[in-house]
């Protein structure tokens, strides 16, 4: 038994008003209002679709230029797979994490950051002088694509909410 005379420390004691009458039950909190959708859902759809297309193009672009890229970087035949597999590696490693970050820090913020990072990492990949630098740039492209793709899905869900 606790000092209050109850068997459980979590059992609440009844509250009384100063007059000795039981206090009225607390009013139920009103249900949270749904956030209003953005003012231009069509623009959100167009922007996220375009960014997704760019991320997917960056994902597949080296497949077309693999022989030339491998020759320019003096990449051995066994290392050419890394020229292609960098982006899928970064994307797979960070896609779930990026979704959580978008929920915690804001979908728009992560979308813009991912889009800018995709641009920067694409430029870094274009100026890479070795196979390892190119592969690291491709892994970073995958990470940026993960941020972009995960947050764009959240933006679309917010722009086009399902009716309650």
N, C-alpha and C. Protein backbone atom coordinates (compact mmCIF):
# COMPACT_ATOMS: atom_id res chain seq x y z
N UNK A 1 0.83 -1.19 0.00
CA UNK A 1 0.00 0.00 0.00
C UNK A 1 0.87 1.23 0.00
N UNK A 2 0.38 2.26 -0.64
CA UNK A 2 1.12 3.50 -0.70
C UNK A 2 0.67 4.43 0.41
N UNK A 3 1.30 5.59 0.49
CA UNK A 3 0.96 6.55 1.53
C UNK A 3 -0.48 7.05 1.41
N UNK A 4 -1.05 7.04 0.22
CA UNK A 4 -2.41 7.53 0.04
C UNK A 4 -3.45 6.50 0.41
N UNK A 5 -3.03 5.30 0.73
CA UNK A 5 -3.97 4.27 1.14
C UNK A 5 -4.50 3.44 0.00
N UNK A 6 -3.95 3.58 -1.19
CA UNK A 6 -4.41 2.78 -2.32
C UNK A 6 -3.43 1.66 -2.57
N UNK A 7 -3.89 0.64 -3.25
CA UNK A 7 -3.03 -0.50 -3.54
C UNK A 7 -2.09 -0.23 -4.70
N UNK A 8 -2.44 0.67 -5.58
CA UNK A 8 -1.64 0.92 -6.78
C UNK A 8 -1.24 2.38 -6.83
N UNK A 9 0.02 2.66 -7.13
CA UNK A 9 0.43 4.07 -7.22
C UNK A 9 -0.17 4.78 -8.43
N UNK A 10 -0.71 4.03 -9.37
CA UNK A 10 -1.28 4.67 -10.55
C UNK A 10 -2.77 4.91 -10.43
N UNK A 11 -3.41 4.48 -9.35
CA UNK A 11 -4.84 4.70 -9.18
C UNK A 11 -5.06 6.16 -8.84
N UNK A 12 -5.81 6.89 -9.65
CA UNK A 12 -6.01 8.31 -9.37
C UNK A 12 -6.96 8.49 -8.19
N UNK A 13 -6.69 9.50 -7.41
CA UNK A 13 -7.60 9.83 -6.32
C UNK A 13 -8.66 10.78 -6.85
N UNK A 14 -9.91 10.67 -6.37
CA UNK A 14 -10.95 11.55 -6.89
C UNK A 14 -10.65 12.99 -6.51
N UNK A 15 -10.90 13.88 -7.44
CA UNK A 15 -10.66 15.30 -7.22
C UNK A 15 -11.96 15.94 -6.74
N UNK A 16 -11.84 16.81 -5.84
CA UNK A 16 -13.04 17.49 -5.36
C UNK A 16 -12.86 18.98 -5.52
N UNK A 17 -13.97 19.62 -5.72
CA UNK A 17 -13.97 21.08 -5.80
C UNK A 17 -13.83 21.61 -4.38
N UNK A 18 -13.53 22.88 -4.19
CA UNK A 18 -13.36 23.42 -2.84
C UNK A 18 -14.59 23.24 -1.95
N UNK A 19 -15.77 23.07 -2.52
CA UNK A 19 -16.98 22.92 -1.71
C UNK A 19 -17.18 21.50 -1.24
N UNK A 20 -16.34 20.57 -1.66
CA UNK A 20 -16.47 19.19 -1.25
C UNK A 20 -17.26 18.34 -2.22
N UNK A 21 -17.77 18.92 -3.30
CA UNK A 21 -18.49 18.15 -4.30
C UNK A 21 -17.52 17.63 -5.33
N UNK A 22 -17.82 16.49 -5.92
CA UNK A 22 -16.91 15.97 -6.94
C UNK A 22 -16.79 16.93 -8.12
N UNK A 23 -15.59 17.04 -8.66
CA UNK A 23 -15.35 17.91 -9.81
C UNK A 23 -16.00 17.30 -11.04
N UNK A 24 -16.51 18.13 -11.94
CA UNK A 24 -17.11 17.60 -13.17
C UNK A 24 -16.02 16.96 -14.01
N UNK A 25 -16.39 15.93 -14.78
CA UNK A 25 -15.37 15.29 -15.62
C UNK A 25 -14.82 16.28 -16.64
N UNK A 26 -13.56 16.10 -16.95
CA UNK A 26 -12.91 16.99 -17.92
C UNK A 26 -13.57 16.80 -19.28
N UNK A 27 -13.75 17.91 -19.96
CA UNK A 27 -14.37 17.85 -21.29
C UNK A 27 -13.42 17.14 -22.24
N UNK A 28 -13.99 16.33 -23.08
CA UNK A 28 -13.17 15.61 -24.05
C UNK A 28 -12.56 16.60 -25.02
N UNK A 29 -11.31 16.40 -25.32
CA UNK A 29 -10.62 17.29 -26.24
C UNK A 29 -11.24 17.14 -27.63
N UNK A 30 -11.41 18.26 -28.32
CA UNK A 30 -11.97 18.16 -29.67
C UNK A 30 -10.99 17.42 -30.57
N UNK A 31 -11.50 16.73 -31.58
CA UNK A 31 -10.59 16.01 -32.48
C UNK A 31 -9.69 17.01 -33.20
N UNK A 32 -8.44 16.62 -33.43
CA UNK A 32 -7.53 17.54 -34.11
C UNK A 32 -8.03 17.83 -35.52
N UNK A 33 -7.90 19.10 -35.88
CA UNK A 33 -8.32 19.48 -37.22
C UNK A 33 -7.30 19.00 -38.23
N UNK A 34 -7.78 18.57 -39.37
CA UNK A 34 -6.88 18.13 -40.43
C UNK A 34 -6.22 19.35 -41.04
N UNK A 35 -4.96 19.20 -41.32
CA UNK A 35 -4.25 20.29 -41.95
C UNK A 35 -4.82 20.50 -43.35
N UNK A 36 -4.94 21.75 -43.69
CA UNK A 36 -5.49 22.03 -45.02
C UNK A 36 -4.48 21.65 -46.09
N UNK A 37 -4.95 21.18 -47.22
CA UNK A 37 -4.02 20.82 -48.29
C UNK A 37 -3.34 22.07 -48.84
N UNK A 38 -2.21 21.91 -49.49
CA UNK A 38 -1.54 23.07 -50.06
C UNK A 38 -2.45 23.75 -51.08
N UNK A 39 -2.21 25.03 -51.33
CA UNK A 39 -3.12 25.77 -52.21
C UNK A 39 -3.11 25.29 -53.66
N UNK A 40 -2.06 24.65 -54.11
CA UNK A 40 -1.97 24.23 -55.51
C UNK A 40 -1.55 22.77 -55.61
N UNK A 41 -2.48 21.84 -55.42
CA UNK A 41 -2.09 20.42 -55.50
C UNK A 41 -1.59 20.02 -56.87
N UNK A 42 -2.06 20.68 -57.93
CA UNK A 42 -1.58 20.37 -59.27
C UNK A 42 -0.10 20.70 -59.43
N UNK A 43 0.32 21.81 -58.83
CA UNK A 43 1.74 22.17 -58.89
C UNK A 43 2.58 21.17 -58.10
N UNK A 44 2.05 20.74 -56.97
CA UNK A 44 2.77 19.74 -56.18
C UNK A 44 2.96 18.46 -56.97
N UNK A 45 1.90 18.04 -57.65
CA UNK A 45 1.98 16.83 -58.47
C UNK A 45 3.00 17.00 -59.60
N UNK A 46 2.97 18.14 -60.28
CA UNK A 46 3.90 18.37 -61.39
C UNK A 46 5.35 18.40 -60.89
N UNK A 47 5.58 19.09 -59.79
CA UNK A 47 6.94 19.22 -59.28
C UNK A 47 7.50 17.89 -58.78
N UNK A 48 6.69 17.16 -58.02
CA UNK A 48 7.18 15.87 -57.52
C UNK A 48 7.35 14.86 -58.65
N UNK A 49 6.49 14.93 -59.65
CA UNK A 49 6.64 14.02 -60.80
C UNK A 49 7.91 14.33 -61.58
N UNK A 50 8.18 15.61 -61.80
CA UNK A 50 9.40 15.99 -62.52
C UNK A 50 10.65 15.59 -61.74
N UNK A 51 10.64 15.82 -60.44
CA UNK A 51 11.80 15.46 -59.62
C UNK A 51 12.00 13.94 -59.59
N UNK A 52 10.92 13.20 -59.53
CA UNK A 52 11.02 11.74 -59.56
C UNK A 52 11.59 11.27 -60.89
N UNK A 53 11.15 11.90 -61.98
CA UNK A 53 11.68 11.53 -63.30
C UNK A 53 13.18 11.81 -63.38
N UNK A 54 13.62 12.93 -62.83
CA UNK A 54 15.05 13.25 -62.84
C UNK A 54 15.83 12.23 -62.00
N UNK A 55 15.28 11.86 -60.85
CA UNK A 55 15.96 10.86 -60.01
C UNK A 55 16.06 9.52 -60.73
N UNK A 56 15.02 9.14 -61.43
CA UNK A 56 15.05 7.86 -62.16
C UNK A 56 15.99 7.94 -63.37
N UNK A 57 16.08 9.11 -64.00
CA UNK A 57 17.04 9.25 -65.11
C UNK A 57 18.47 9.16 -64.59
N UNK A 58 18.74 9.77 -63.44
CA UNK A 58 20.08 9.68 -62.86
C UNK A 58 20.39 8.24 -62.46
N UNK A 59 19.35 7.51 -62.11
CA UNK A 59 19.49 6.10 -61.72
C UNK A 59 19.94 5.25 -62.90
N UNK A 60 19.41 5.52 -64.09
CA UNK A 60 19.67 4.66 -65.25
C UNK A 60 20.65 5.24 -66.26
N UNK A 61 21.02 6.49 -66.15
CA UNK A 61 21.86 7.13 -67.17
C UNK A 61 23.19 6.42 -67.43
N UNK A 62 23.92 5.96 -66.43
CA UNK A 62 25.21 5.31 -66.73
C UNK A 62 25.10 4.01 -67.51
N UNK A 63 23.94 3.42 -67.56
CA UNK A 63 23.80 2.18 -68.34
C UNK A 63 24.04 2.44 -69.82
N UNK A 64 23.65 3.60 -70.28
CA UNK A 64 23.81 3.94 -71.69
C UNK A 64 25.27 4.25 -72.01
N UNK A 65 25.95 4.90 -71.09
CA UNK A 65 27.32 5.35 -71.36
C UNK A 65 28.38 4.51 -70.66
N UNK A 66 28.04 3.33 -70.20
CA UNK A 66 28.98 2.52 -69.43
C UNK A 66 30.31 2.27 -70.16
N UNK A 67 30.32 1.87 -71.42
CA UNK A 67 31.62 1.62 -72.07
C UNK A 67 32.51 2.87 -72.13
N UNK A 68 31.92 4.01 -72.46
CA UNK A 68 32.70 5.25 -72.54
C UNK A 68 33.17 5.69 -71.16
N UNK A 69 32.29 5.61 -70.18
CA UNK A 69 32.66 6.02 -68.82
C UNK A 69 33.76 5.12 -68.27
N UNK A 70 33.63 3.82 -68.47
CA UNK A 70 34.65 2.88 -68.00
C UNK A 70 35.99 3.14 -68.68
N UNK A 71 35.96 3.46 -69.96
CA UNK A 71 37.21 3.74 -70.67
C UNK A 71 37.85 5.03 -70.16
N UNK A 72 37.03 6.08 -69.95
CA UNK A 72 37.56 7.36 -69.47
C UNK A 72 38.14 7.26 -68.06
N UNK A 73 37.53 6.42 -67.23
CA UNK A 73 38.00 6.28 -65.85
C UNK A 73 39.01 5.15 -65.69
N UNK A 74 39.34 4.47 -66.78
CA UNK A 74 40.27 3.33 -66.76
C UNK A 74 39.79 2.28 -65.75
N UNK A 75 38.51 1.96 -65.84
CA UNK A 75 37.88 1.01 -64.93
C UNK A 75 38.03 -0.40 -65.47
N UNK A 76 38.46 -1.31 -64.59
CA UNK A 76 38.59 -2.71 -65.01
C UNK A 76 37.20 -3.30 -65.23
N UNK A 77 37.17 -4.40 -65.94
CA UNK A 77 35.90 -5.05 -66.24
C UNK A 77 35.18 -5.48 -64.96
N UNK A 78 35.94 -5.95 -63.98
CA UNK A 78 35.32 -6.40 -62.73
C UNK A 78 34.77 -5.24 -61.90
N UNK A 79 35.31 -4.04 -62.06
CA UNK A 79 34.85 -2.88 -61.28
C UNK A 79 33.74 -2.11 -61.98
N UNK A 80 33.42 -2.47 -63.22
CA UNK A 80 32.38 -1.73 -63.94
C UNK A 80 31.01 -1.87 -63.30
N UNK A 81 30.78 -2.96 -62.60
CA UNK A 81 29.49 -3.13 -61.91
C UNK A 81 29.28 -2.04 -60.87
N UNK A 82 30.38 -1.57 -60.25
CA UNK A 82 30.24 -0.52 -59.25
C UNK A 82 29.82 0.80 -59.88
N UNK A 83 30.15 1.01 -61.13
CA UNK A 83 29.71 2.24 -61.80
C UNK A 83 28.19 2.29 -61.89
N UNK A 84 27.58 1.13 -61.99
CA UNK A 84 26.12 1.05 -62.09
C UNK A 84 25.44 0.89 -60.74
N UNK A 85 26.08 0.20 -59.80
CA UNK A 85 25.42 -0.18 -58.56
C UNK A 85 25.55 0.82 -57.42
N UNK A 86 26.21 1.92 -57.65
CA UNK A 86 26.34 2.92 -56.58
C UNK A 86 25.01 3.53 -56.18
N UNK A 87 24.24 3.96 -57.15
CA UNK A 87 22.96 4.61 -56.85
C UNK A 87 21.97 3.65 -56.19
N UNK A 88 21.79 2.43 -56.70
CA UNK A 88 20.88 1.52 -55.99
C UNK A 88 21.32 1.23 -54.55
N UNK A 89 22.63 1.20 -54.32
CA UNK A 89 23.13 0.96 -52.97
C UNK A 89 22.74 2.11 -52.04
N UNK A 90 22.99 3.34 -52.45
CA UNK A 90 22.62 4.49 -51.63
C UNK A 90 21.12 4.62 -51.43
N UNK A 91 20.37 4.33 -52.48
CA UNK A 91 18.91 4.40 -52.40
C UNK A 91 18.36 3.35 -51.43
N UNK A 92 18.83 2.13 -51.56
CA UNK A 92 18.33 1.05 -50.69
C UNK A 92 18.73 1.28 -49.24
N UNK A 93 19.91 1.82 -49.02
CA UNK A 93 20.38 2.02 -47.66
C UNK A 93 19.61 3.11 -46.93
N UNK A 94 19.13 4.12 -47.64
CA UNK A 94 18.57 5.27 -46.96
C UNK A 94 17.09 5.55 -47.23
N UNK A 95 16.42 4.74 -48.00
CA UNK A 95 15.03 5.05 -48.34
C UNK A 95 14.12 5.06 -47.10
N UNK A 96 14.21 4.07 -46.25
CA UNK A 96 13.37 4.04 -45.05
C UNK A 96 13.75 5.13 -44.07
N UNK A 97 15.04 5.38 -43.94
CA UNK A 97 15.51 6.44 -43.05
C UNK A 97 15.01 7.79 -43.55
N UNK A 98 15.05 7.99 -44.86
CA UNK A 98 14.59 9.26 -45.43
C UNK A 98 13.11 9.48 -45.17
N UNK A 99 12.31 8.43 -45.21
CA UNK A 99 10.89 8.57 -44.91
C UNK A 99 10.67 9.03 -43.48
N UNK A 100 11.43 8.48 -42.55
CA UNK A 100 11.32 8.91 -41.15
C UNK A 100 11.79 10.35 -40.97
N UNK A 101 12.88 10.69 -41.64
CA UNK A 101 13.37 12.07 -41.56
C UNK A 101 12.35 13.05 -42.13
N UNK A 102 11.69 12.67 -43.21
CA UNK A 102 10.66 13.55 -43.80
C UNK A 102 9.51 13.75 -42.82
N UNK A 103 9.14 12.71 -42.10
CA UNK A 103 8.07 12.84 -41.11
C UNK A 103 8.51 13.71 -39.94
N UNK A 104 9.76 13.58 -39.52
CA UNK A 104 10.24 14.30 -38.34
C UNK A 104 10.62 15.75 -38.63
N UNK A 105 11.25 16.01 -39.76
CA UNK A 105 11.79 17.33 -40.04
C UNK A 105 11.07 18.09 -41.14
N UNK A 106 10.10 17.48 -41.75
CA UNK A 106 9.32 18.17 -42.77
C UNK A 106 9.57 17.61 -44.15
N UNK A 107 8.45 17.30 -44.83
CA UNK A 107 8.56 16.72 -46.16
C UNK A 107 9.15 17.71 -47.16
N UNK A 108 8.68 18.94 -47.11
CA UNK A 108 9.16 19.94 -48.07
C UNK A 108 10.65 20.20 -47.88
N UNK A 109 11.08 20.32 -46.63
CA UNK A 109 12.49 20.57 -46.35
C UNK A 109 13.36 19.44 -46.89
N UNK A 110 12.95 18.20 -46.67
CA UNK A 110 13.73 17.07 -47.15
C UNK A 110 13.67 16.95 -48.67
N UNK A 111 12.52 17.29 -49.25
CA UNK A 111 12.38 17.25 -50.70
C UNK A 111 13.34 18.25 -51.36
N UNK A 112 13.35 19.47 -50.85
CA UNK A 112 14.25 20.49 -51.41
C UNK A 112 15.71 20.10 -51.19
N UNK A 113 16.02 19.61 -49.99
CA UNK A 113 17.40 19.18 -49.71
C UNK A 113 17.82 18.03 -50.62
N UNK A 114 16.94 17.06 -50.81
CA UNK A 114 17.25 15.94 -51.68
C UNK A 114 17.42 16.35 -53.13
N UNK A 115 16.58 17.29 -53.58
CA UNK A 115 16.70 17.77 -54.95
C UNK A 115 18.01 18.50 -55.17
N UNK A 116 18.36 19.38 -54.23
CA UNK A 116 19.64 20.10 -54.34
C UNK A 116 20.82 19.13 -54.25
N UNK A 117 20.74 18.18 -53.34
CA UNK A 117 21.83 17.20 -53.20
C UNK A 117 21.97 16.35 -54.45
N UNK A 118 20.85 16.02 -55.09
CA UNK A 118 20.92 15.24 -56.33
C UNK A 118 21.65 16.05 -57.41
N UNK A 119 21.37 17.33 -57.49
CA UNK A 119 22.07 18.18 -58.46
C UNK A 119 23.56 18.26 -58.18
N UNK A 120 23.91 18.46 -56.91
CA UNK A 120 25.33 18.58 -56.54
C UNK A 120 26.06 17.27 -56.79
N UNK A 121 25.47 16.15 -56.40
CA UNK A 121 26.15 14.87 -56.59
C UNK A 121 26.25 14.48 -58.06
N UNK A 122 25.31 14.94 -58.86
CA UNK A 122 25.41 14.69 -60.30
C UNK A 122 26.60 15.45 -60.88
N UNK A 123 26.78 16.69 -60.45
CA UNK A 123 27.94 17.48 -60.91
C UNK A 123 29.24 16.83 -60.42
N UNK A 124 29.25 16.38 -59.17
CA UNK A 124 30.45 15.70 -58.66
C UNK A 124 30.77 14.45 -59.46
N UNK A 125 29.75 13.70 -59.82
CA UNK A 125 29.96 12.51 -60.65
C UNK A 125 30.47 12.86 -62.03
N UNK A 126 30.01 13.98 -62.57
CA UNK A 126 30.46 14.40 -63.90
C UNK A 126 31.94 14.77 -63.90
N UNK A 127 32.43 15.29 -62.78
CA UNK A 127 33.83 15.71 -62.72
C UNK A 127 34.73 14.68 -62.03
N UNK A 128 34.21 13.50 -61.72
CA UNK A 128 35.01 12.47 -61.06
C UNK A 128 36.12 12.00 -61.99
N UNK A 129 37.31 11.82 -61.41
CA UNK A 129 38.45 11.43 -62.24
C UNK A 129 38.88 9.99 -62.01
N UNK A 130 38.30 9.33 -61.02
CA UNK A 130 38.63 7.93 -60.75
C UNK A 130 37.34 7.13 -60.58
N UNK A 131 37.50 5.83 -60.67
CA UNK A 131 36.34 4.95 -60.49
C UNK A 131 35.75 5.11 -59.09
N UNK A 132 36.61 5.23 -58.08
CA UNK A 132 36.11 5.34 -56.71
C UNK A 132 35.37 6.65 -56.48
N UNK A 133 35.88 7.74 -57.01
CA UNK A 133 35.17 9.02 -56.86
C UNK A 133 33.81 8.97 -57.56
N UNK A 134 33.79 8.37 -58.74
CA UNK A 134 32.53 8.25 -59.47
C UNK A 134 31.55 7.37 -58.68
N UNK A 135 32.04 6.28 -58.13
CA UNK A 135 31.18 5.38 -57.35
C UNK A 135 30.66 6.06 -56.10
N UNK A 136 31.51 6.81 -55.41
CA UNK A 136 31.06 7.55 -54.23
C UNK A 136 30.02 8.60 -54.60
N UNK A 137 30.22 9.27 -55.72
CA UNK A 137 29.21 10.24 -56.18
C UNK A 137 27.90 9.54 -56.50
N UNK A 138 27.97 8.35 -57.07
CA UNK A 138 26.75 7.60 -57.39
C UNK A 138 26.04 7.13 -56.11
N UNK A 139 26.80 6.73 -55.10
CA UNK A 139 26.17 6.35 -53.82
C UNK A 139 25.48 7.57 -53.21
N UNK A 140 26.14 8.73 -53.28
CA UNK A 140 25.52 9.96 -52.77
C UNK A 140 24.29 10.33 -53.59
N UNK A 141 24.32 10.07 -54.90
CA UNK A 141 23.12 10.29 -55.73
C UNK A 141 21.97 9.41 -55.25
N UNK A 142 22.27 8.19 -54.89
CA UNK A 142 21.24 7.29 -54.38
C UNK A 142 20.66 7.79 -53.07
N UNK A 143 21.52 8.31 -52.19
CA UNK A 143 21.04 8.86 -50.92
C UNK A 143 20.15 10.08 -51.17
N UNK A 144 20.57 10.94 -52.09
CA UNK A 144 19.76 12.12 -52.42
C UNK A 144 18.44 11.70 -53.06
N UNK A 145 18.49 10.69 -53.90
CA UNK A 145 17.26 10.18 -54.52
C UNK A 145 16.32 9.60 -53.48
N UNK A 146 16.88 8.96 -52.47
CA UNK A 146 16.04 8.41 -51.39
C UNK A 146 15.30 9.53 -50.67
N UNK A 147 16.00 10.62 -50.38
CA UNK A 147 15.36 11.76 -49.72
C UNK A 147 14.27 12.35 -50.60
N UNK A 148 14.58 12.50 -51.86
CA UNK A 148 13.62 13.07 -52.81
C UNK A 148 12.39 12.17 -52.98
N UNK A 149 12.60 10.89 -53.18
CA UNK A 149 11.48 9.98 -53.44
C UNK A 149 10.60 9.79 -52.22
N UNK A 150 11.20 9.60 -51.06
CA UNK A 150 10.40 9.38 -49.85
C UNK A 150 9.58 10.61 -49.49
N UNK A 151 10.19 11.78 -49.59
CA UNK A 151 9.45 12.99 -49.23
C UNK A 151 8.41 13.37 -50.27
N UNK A 152 8.66 13.05 -51.54
CA UNK A 152 7.66 13.39 -52.56
C UNK A 152 6.38 12.59 -52.37
N UNK A 153 6.49 11.35 -51.92
CA UNK A 153 5.28 10.58 -51.64
C UNK A 153 4.48 11.21 -50.50
N UNK A 154 5.16 11.67 -49.47
CA UNK A 154 4.48 12.35 -48.38
C UNK A 154 3.84 13.65 -48.82
N UNK A 155 4.51 14.39 -49.69
CA UNK A 155 3.93 15.63 -50.21
C UNK A 155 2.67 15.36 -51.02
N UNK A 156 2.68 14.29 -51.80
CA UNK A 156 1.50 13.95 -52.59
C UNK A 156 0.33 13.52 -51.72
N UNK A 157 0.61 12.76 -50.67
CA UNK A 157 -0.47 12.35 -49.77
C UNK A 157 -1.09 13.57 -49.10
N UNK A 158 -0.26 14.55 -48.75
CA UNK A 158 -0.77 15.77 -48.14
C UNK A 158 -1.53 16.64 -49.14
N UNK A 159 -1.08 16.65 -50.38
CA UNK A 159 -1.72 17.48 -51.40
C UNK A 159 -3.07 16.92 -51.84
N UNK A 160 -3.21 15.61 -51.82
CA UNK A 160 -4.44 14.95 -52.25
C UNK A 160 -4.95 14.05 -51.13
N UNK A 161 -5.48 14.64 -50.04
CA UNK A 161 -5.94 13.81 -48.92
C UNK A 161 -7.19 13.02 -49.29
N UNK A 162 -7.31 11.86 -48.67
CA UNK A 162 -8.51 11.06 -48.91
C UNK A 162 -9.65 11.66 -48.10
N UNK A 163 -10.86 11.67 -48.65
CA UNK A 163 -11.98 12.23 -47.89
C UNK A 163 -12.27 11.37 -46.66
N UNK A 164 -12.61 12.06 -45.58
CA UNK A 164 -12.87 11.34 -44.33
C UNK A 164 -14.25 10.74 -44.29
